[in-house]
């Protein structure tokens, strides 16, 4: 169990609060720059609020480069685990 600090909060909750603030600042910056947008807002009777954000990673142009081929492969095989992807890459590089 985390020990309480002088203000009564535990060190663990203080660390968690700092991470949450960092996440909040990141989300605010992404909203302000237009990288994220508000998709929906839900307000419930118990005064809880859910805000859904949507965004998109920068996509690469499909001009035949190896990076673009890798992005396309990962998009088409999104259900593969990272280990499966790495093993497939190892096999591919060993056979080339």
Protein backbone atom coordinates (compact mmCIF):
# COMPACT_ATOMS: atom_id res chain seq x y z
CA UNK A 1 0.00 0.00 0.00
CA UNK A 2 1.33 3.46 -0.87
CA UNK A 3 2.26 5.74 2.01
CA UNK A 4 0.37 9.02 2.31
CA UNK A 5 2.21 12.27 1.67
CA UNK A 6 1.89 15.51 3.65
CA UNK A 7 -1.31 16.52 1.86
CA UNK A 8 -2.98 13.16 2.56
CA UNK A 9 -2.64 11.76 -0.96
CA UNK A 10 -0.61 8.64 -1.56
CA UNK A 11 2.46 8.73 -3.75
CA UNK A 12 0.80 6.31 -6.18
CA UNK A 13 -2.25 8.51 -6.67
CA UNK A 14 0.00 11.55 -7.05
CA UNK A 15 1.97 9.80 -9.79
CA UNK A 16 -1.26 8.71 -11.46
CA UNK A 17 -2.55 12.28 -11.32
CA UNK A 18 0.58 13.55 -13.09
CA UNK A 19 0.15 10.96 -15.85
CA UNK A 20 -3.50 11.93 -16.25
CA UNK A 21 -2.57 15.61 -16.54
CA UNK A 22 0.00 14.72 -19.20
CA UNK A 23 -2.65 12.79 -21.10
CA UNK A 24 -5.10 15.68 -20.74
CA UNK A 25 -2.55 18.13 -22.13
CA UNK A 26 -1.81 15.81 -25.03
CA UNK A 27 -5.50 15.42 -25.86
CA UNK A 28 -6.04 19.19 -25.56
CA UNK A 29 -3.15 19.85 -27.95
CA UNK A 30 -4.48 17.29 -30.44
CA UNK A 31 -7.95 18.85 -30.26
CA UNK A 32 -6.59 22.37 -30.77
CA UNK A 33 -4.44 21.34 -33.74
CA UNK A 34 -7.30 19.49 -35.40
CA UNK A 35 -5.72 16.02 -35.11
CA UNK A 36 -8.62 14.87 -32.91
CA UNK A 37 -12.26 15.84 -33.10
CA UNK A 38 -15.26 15.30 -30.85
CA UNK A 39 -17.36 12.52 -32.32
CA UNK A 40 -20.12 12.38 -29.71
CA UNK A 41 -21.12 13.58 -26.25
CA UNK A 42 -23.37 11.56 -23.96
CA UNK A 43 -24.91 13.01 -20.81
CA UNK A 44 -26.54 10.66 -18.31
CA UNK A 45 -29.08 11.33 -15.56
CA UNK A 46 -26.56 10.69 -12.79
CA UNK A 47 -24.56 13.66 -14.13
CA UNK A 48 -21.88 11.52 -15.74
CA UNK A 49 -20.54 12.58 -19.10
CA UNK A 50 -18.88 10.55 -21.86
CA UNK A 51 -17.06 12.31 -24.68
CA UNK A 52 -15.94 10.24 -27.64
CA UNK A 53 -13.01 11.52 -29.68
CA UNK A 54 -11.91 10.36 -33.10
CA UNK A 55 -8.65 10.88 -34.88
CA UNK A 56 -6.47 9.38 -37.54
CA UNK A 57 -2.80 8.60 -37.81
CA UNK A 58 -0.93 10.24 -40.62
CA UNK A 59 -1.05 7.86 -43.54
CA UNK A 60 1.71 7.37 -46.02
CA UNK A 61 1.22 7.74 -49.74
CA UNK A 62 1.00 4.41 -51.53
CA UNK A 63 3.87 4.89 -53.95
CA UNK A 64 5.42 1.43 -53.69
CA UNK A 65 8.01 2.04 -50.99
CA UNK A 66 8.79 -0.67 -48.43
CA UNK A 67 7.25 1.43 -45.64
CA UNK A 68 4.01 1.76 -47.56
CA UNK A 69 3.99 -1.98 -48.24
CA UNK A 70 4.49 -2.64 -44.53
CA UNK A 71 1.63 -0.28 -43.58
CA UNK A 72 -0.65 -1.97 -46.13
CA UNK A 73 0.35 -5.42 -44.83
CA UNK A 74 -0.38 -4.43 -41.22
CA UNK A 75 -3.73 -2.91 -42.23
CA UNK A 76 -4.72 -6.11 -44.03
CA UNK A 77 -3.50 -8.39 -41.21
CA UNK A 78 -4.52 -6.44 -38.13
CA UNK A 79 -5.49 -9.59 -36.24
CA UNK A 80 -1.90 -10.87 -36.18
CA UNK A 81 0.12 -10.59 -32.99
CA UNK A 82 3.36 -8.64 -32.96
CA UNK A 83 5.28 -11.90 -32.51
CA UNK A 84 3.67 -13.33 -35.65
CA UNK A 85 4.59 -10.20 -37.63
CA UNK A 86 8.22 -10.34 -36.44
CA UNK A 87 8.48 -14.05 -37.22
CA UNK A 88 7.10 -13.47 -40.73
CA UNK A 89 9.62 -10.65 -41.25
CA UNK A 90 12.48 -12.90 -40.07
CA UNK A 91 11.41 -15.64 -42.50
CA UNK A 92 11.12 -13.12 -45.33
CA UNK A 93 14.57 -11.63 -44.71
CA UNK A 94 16.20 -15.06 -44.37
CA UNK A 95 14.72 -16.25 -47.69
CA UNK A 96 15.62 -13.12 -49.67
